[in-house]
Amino acid sequence: MPPAASPAELGQAAYAGCIACHGAQGEGGIGPRLAGQSATDIAEKLLQYKAGETRGAQSALMWSQSAQLSATDIDNLAAFIASQD
């Protein structure tokens, strides 16, 4: 039986939907730079977007993106982003 995937490995697949705005390495682009942020900070921001909070000019886009994520998805995605340092 193969070993279970880590949260970061699971988050890598979810990050495919983030690349267009945040860059392949989280370097930013249309969206802000994610690289260098902690998993806690990323998860908190995604949960704020999921709750419909405004965090900046791209909030409306992030509301729809985060609405699709479960709490586990958010934790995995945050772990992947934080692992990209």
N, C-alpha and C. Protein backbone atom coordinates (compact mmCIF):
# COMPACT_ATOMS: atom_id res chain seq x y z
N MET A 1 0.85 -1.18 0.00
CA MET A 1 0.00 0.00 0.00
C MET A 1 0.89 1.24 0.00
N PRO A 2 0.68 2.17 -0.95
CA PRO A 2 1.53 3.35 -1.01
C PRO A 2 1.28 4.27 0.19
N PRO A 3 2.29 5.03 0.58
CA PRO A 3 2.11 5.95 1.70
C PRO A 3 1.08 7.04 1.35
N ALA A 4 0.41 7.53 2.37
CA ALA A 4 -0.58 8.59 2.16
C ALA A 4 0.13 9.87 1.74
N ALA A 5 -0.53 10.63 0.90
CA ALA A 5 0.03 11.90 0.45
C ALA A 5 0.01 12.90 1.60
N SER A 6 1.01 13.75 1.65
CA SER A 6 1.06 14.79 2.67
C SER A 6 0.07 15.90 2.31
N PRO A 7 -0.29 16.76 3.29
CA PRO A 7 -1.16 17.89 2.96
C PRO A 7 -0.60 18.76 1.83
N ALA A 8 0.71 18.99 1.83
CA ALA A 8 1.31 19.81 0.77
C ALA A 8 1.15 19.13 -0.59
N GLU A 9 1.33 17.82 -0.64
CA GLU A 9 1.16 17.10 -1.90
C GLU A 9 -0.29 17.17 -2.38
N LEU A 10 -1.22 17.04 -1.46
CA LEU A 10 -2.63 17.15 -1.82
C LEU A 10 -2.97 18.57 -2.27
N GLY A 11 -2.37 19.55 -1.63
CA GLY A 11 -2.62 20.95 -1.98
C GLY A 11 -2.06 21.33 -3.33
N GLN A 12 -1.04 20.63 -3.78
CA GLN A 12 -0.43 20.94 -5.08
C GLN A 12 -1.45 20.81 -6.20
N ALA A 13 -2.29 19.81 -6.15
CA ALA A 13 -3.32 19.63 -7.19
C ALA A 13 -4.32 20.78 -7.16
N ALA A 14 -4.71 21.21 -5.97
CA ALA A 14 -5.65 22.32 -5.85
C ALA A 14 -5.04 23.63 -6.33
N TYR A 15 -3.72 23.77 -6.17
CA TYR A 15 -3.05 25.00 -6.57
C TYR A 15 -3.09 25.24 -8.08
N ALA A 16 -3.36 24.21 -8.85
CA ALA A 16 -3.44 24.38 -10.31
C ALA A 16 -4.44 25.47 -10.69
N GLY A 17 -5.48 25.64 -9.90
CA GLY A 17 -6.47 26.68 -10.16
C GLY A 17 -6.02 28.07 -9.74
N CYS A 18 -4.89 28.17 -9.10
CA CYS A 18 -4.37 29.45 -8.58
C CYS A 18 -3.27 30.04 -9.47
N ILE A 19 -2.66 29.18 -10.28
CA ILE A 19 -1.47 29.55 -11.05
C ILE A 19 -1.71 30.75 -11.95
N ALA A 20 -2.85 30.82 -12.61
CA ALA A 20 -3.09 31.90 -13.58
C ALA A 20 -2.95 33.28 -12.94
N CYS A 21 -3.34 33.43 -11.70
CA CYS A 21 -3.27 34.74 -11.04
C CYS A 21 -2.08 34.89 -10.11
N HIS A 22 -1.68 33.80 -9.44
CA HIS A 22 -0.64 33.89 -8.42
C HIS A 22 0.72 33.37 -8.86
N GLY A 23 0.81 32.82 -10.07
CA GLY A 23 2.08 32.32 -10.58
C GLY A 23 2.36 30.89 -10.16
N ALA A 24 3.15 30.21 -10.94
CA ALA A 24 3.46 28.80 -10.71
C ALA A 24 4.18 28.58 -9.38
N GLN A 25 4.96 29.55 -8.94
CA GLN A 25 5.71 29.44 -7.70
C GLN A 25 5.18 30.38 -6.63
N GLY A 26 3.98 30.92 -6.84
CA GLY A 26 3.40 31.85 -5.87
C GLY A 26 4.04 33.23 -5.92
N GLU A 27 4.69 33.52 -7.05
CA GLU A 27 5.43 34.78 -7.19
C GLU A 27 4.53 35.99 -7.43
N GLY A 28 3.26 35.75 -7.69
CA GLY A 28 2.33 36.84 -7.95
C GLY A 28 2.23 37.14 -9.43
N GLY A 29 1.31 38.00 -9.75
CA GLY A 29 1.02 38.38 -11.13
C GLY A 29 -0.21 39.25 -11.08
N ILE A 30 -1.31 38.76 -11.62
CA ILE A 30 -2.58 39.47 -11.48
C ILE A 30 -2.96 39.53 -10.00
N GLY A 31 -2.75 38.42 -9.32
CA GLY A 31 -2.99 38.33 -7.87
C GLY A 31 -1.70 38.58 -7.12
N PRO A 32 -1.80 38.78 -5.82
CA PRO A 32 -0.60 39.08 -5.03
C PRO A 32 0.33 37.88 -4.87
N ARG A 33 1.54 38.18 -4.47
CA ARG A 33 2.55 37.17 -4.17
C ARG A 33 2.09 36.34 -2.96
N LEU A 34 2.17 35.04 -3.09
CA LEU A 34 1.84 34.14 -1.99
C LEU A 34 3.08 33.54 -1.36
N ALA A 35 4.13 33.41 -2.16
CA ALA A 35 5.38 32.83 -1.66
C ALA A 35 5.87 33.63 -0.46
N GLY A 36 6.35 32.91 0.54
CA GLY A 36 6.88 33.55 1.74
C GLY A 36 5.85 33.72 2.85
N GLN A 37 4.59 33.44 2.56
CA GLN A 37 3.56 33.54 3.59
C GLN A 37 3.43 32.20 4.31
N SER A 38 3.07 32.26 5.57
CA SER A 38 2.91 31.02 6.34
C SER A 38 1.60 30.33 5.98
N ALA A 39 1.55 29.04 6.25
CA ALA A 39 0.32 28.27 6.01
C ALA A 39 -0.84 28.86 6.81
N THR A 40 -0.56 29.31 8.02
CA THR A 40 -1.60 29.91 8.86
C THR A 40 -2.17 31.15 8.21
N ASP A 41 -1.30 32.02 7.70
CA ASP A 41 -1.76 33.26 7.04
C ASP A 41 -2.58 32.95 5.80
N ILE A 42 -2.11 32.02 4.99
CA ILE A 42 -2.84 31.66 3.77
C ILE A 42 -4.22 31.10 4.12
N ALA A 43 -4.27 30.18 5.08
CA ALA A 43 -5.54 29.58 5.48
C ALA A 43 -6.50 30.63 6.02
N GLU A 44 -6.00 31.54 6.86
CA GLU A 44 -6.85 32.60 7.42
C GLU A 44 -7.44 33.46 6.31
N LYS A 45 -6.63 33.83 5.35
CA LYS A 45 -7.11 34.67 4.25
C LYS A 45 -8.15 33.93 3.41
N LEU A 46 -7.91 32.66 3.11
CA LEU A 46 -8.89 31.89 2.34
C LEU A 46 -10.21 31.76 3.10
N LEU A 47 -10.13 31.56 4.42
CA LEU A 47 -11.36 31.47 5.21
C LEU A 47 -12.09 32.81 5.24
N GLN A 48 -11.35 33.91 5.26
CA GLN A 48 -11.98 35.23 5.22
C GLN A 48 -12.69 35.43 3.88
N TYR A 49 -12.04 35.07 2.80
CA TYR A 49 -12.70 35.16 1.49
C TYR A 49 -13.93 34.27 1.45
N LYS A 50 -13.81 33.06 1.98
CA LYS A 50 -14.93 32.11 1.98
C LYS A 50 -16.12 32.69 2.74
N ALA A 51 -15.84 33.49 3.77
CA ALA A 51 -16.89 34.14 4.57
C ALA A 51 -17.43 35.40 3.89
N GLY A 52 -16.89 35.75 2.71
CA GLY A 52 -17.36 36.91 1.97
C GLY A 52 -16.73 38.23 2.38
N GLU A 53 -15.63 38.17 3.11
CA GLU A 53 -14.95 39.40 3.53
C GLU A 53 -14.16 40.00 2.36
N THR A 54 -14.12 41.31 2.34
CA THR A 54 -13.35 42.03 1.33
C THR A 54 -11.94 42.24 1.84
N ARG A 55 -10.96 41.82 1.03
CA ARG A 55 -9.55 41.97 1.40
C ARG A 55 -8.77 42.79 0.38
N GLY A 56 -9.38 43.13 -0.74
CA GLY A 56 -8.68 43.90 -1.76
C GLY A 56 -9.47 43.91 -3.05
N ALA A 57 -8.82 44.40 -4.10
CA ALA A 57 -9.49 44.60 -5.39
C ALA A 57 -9.97 43.30 -6.03
N GLN A 58 -9.34 42.19 -5.74
CA GLN A 58 -9.70 40.91 -6.35
C GLN A 58 -10.63 40.07 -5.47
N SER A 59 -11.21 40.68 -4.46
CA SER A 59 -12.03 39.92 -3.50
C SER A 59 -13.16 39.15 -4.17
N ALA A 60 -13.87 39.77 -5.10
CA ALA A 60 -15.01 39.09 -5.73
C ALA A 60 -14.57 37.81 -6.43
N LEU A 61 -13.41 37.83 -7.06
CA LEU A 61 -12.89 36.63 -7.70
C LEU A 61 -12.55 35.58 -6.65
N MET A 62 -11.94 36.01 -5.56
CA MET A 62 -11.54 35.08 -4.52
C MET A 62 -12.74 34.51 -3.76
N TRP A 63 -13.83 35.24 -3.67
CA TRP A 63 -15.03 34.71 -3.01
C TRP A 63 -15.48 33.45 -3.74
N SER A 64 -15.54 33.52 -5.07
CA SER A 64 -16.02 32.37 -5.83
C SER A 64 -15.01 31.22 -5.79
N GLN A 65 -13.73 31.55 -5.81
CA GLN A 65 -12.71 30.50 -5.76
C GLN A 65 -12.71 29.79 -4.41
N SER A 66 -12.76 30.55 -3.33
CA SER A 66 -12.71 29.97 -1.99
C SER A 66 -14.00 29.24 -1.63
N ALA A 67 -15.12 29.64 -2.20
CA ALA A 67 -16.40 29.00 -1.90
C ALA A 67 -16.38 27.51 -2.27
N GLN A 68 -15.53 27.16 -3.22
CA GLN A 68 -15.45 25.78 -3.69
C GLN A 68 -14.58 24.89 -2.79
N LEU A 69 -13.88 25.50 -1.84
CA LEU A 69 -12.91 24.77 -1.02
C LEU A 69 -13.49 24.33 0.32
N SER A 70 -13.22 23.10 0.72
CA SER A 70 -13.56 22.64 2.07
C SER A 70 -12.47 23.11 3.03
N ALA A 71 -12.70 22.95 4.31
CA ALA A 71 -11.68 23.31 5.30
C ALA A 71 -10.41 22.49 5.08
N THR A 72 -10.56 21.22 4.72
CA THR A 72 -9.39 20.38 4.45
C THR A 72 -8.67 20.85 3.19
N ASP A 73 -9.43 21.22 2.16
CA ASP A 73 -8.81 21.76 0.94
C ASP A 73 -7.98 22.99 1.27
N ILE A 74 -8.53 23.87 2.10
CA ILE A 74 -7.83 25.10 2.48
C ILE A 74 -6.55 24.78 3.22
N ASP A 75 -6.61 23.86 4.16
CA ASP A 75 -5.40 23.48 4.91
C ASP A 75 -4.34 22.88 3.98
N ASN A 76 -4.77 22.02 3.05
CA ASN A 76 -3.82 21.41 2.11
C ASN A 76 -3.22 22.44 1.18
N LEU A 77 -4.04 23.33 0.68
CA LEU A 77 -3.56 24.38 -0.22
C LEU A 77 -2.57 25.28 0.50
N ALA A 78 -2.90 25.66 1.73
CA ALA A 78 -2.00 26.51 2.52
C ALA A 78 -0.68 25.80 2.78
N ALA A 79 -0.73 24.51 3.07
CA ALA A 79 0.51 23.74 3.31
C ALA A 79 1.37 23.71 2.05
N PHE A 80 0.75 23.54 0.89
CA PHE A 80 1.52 23.53 -0.36
C PHE A 80 2.17 24.89 -0.61
N ILE A 81 1.42 25.96 -0.48
CA ILE A 81 1.94 27.30 -0.74
C ILE A 81 3.11 27.59 0.21
N ALA A 82 2.93 27.28 1.49
CA ALA A 82 4.01 27.53 2.47
C ALA A 82 5.24 26.69 2.19
N SER A 83 5.07 25.54 1.56
CA SER A 83 6.21 24.66 1.28
C SER A 83 7.03 25.15 0.08
N GLN A 84 6.56 26.16 -0.62
CA GLN A 84 7.22 26.64 -1.83
C GLN A 84 8.34 27.63 -1.55
N ASP A 85 8.61 27.93 -0.30
CA ASP A 85 9.70 28.87 0.02
C ASP A 85 11.04 28.35 -0.42
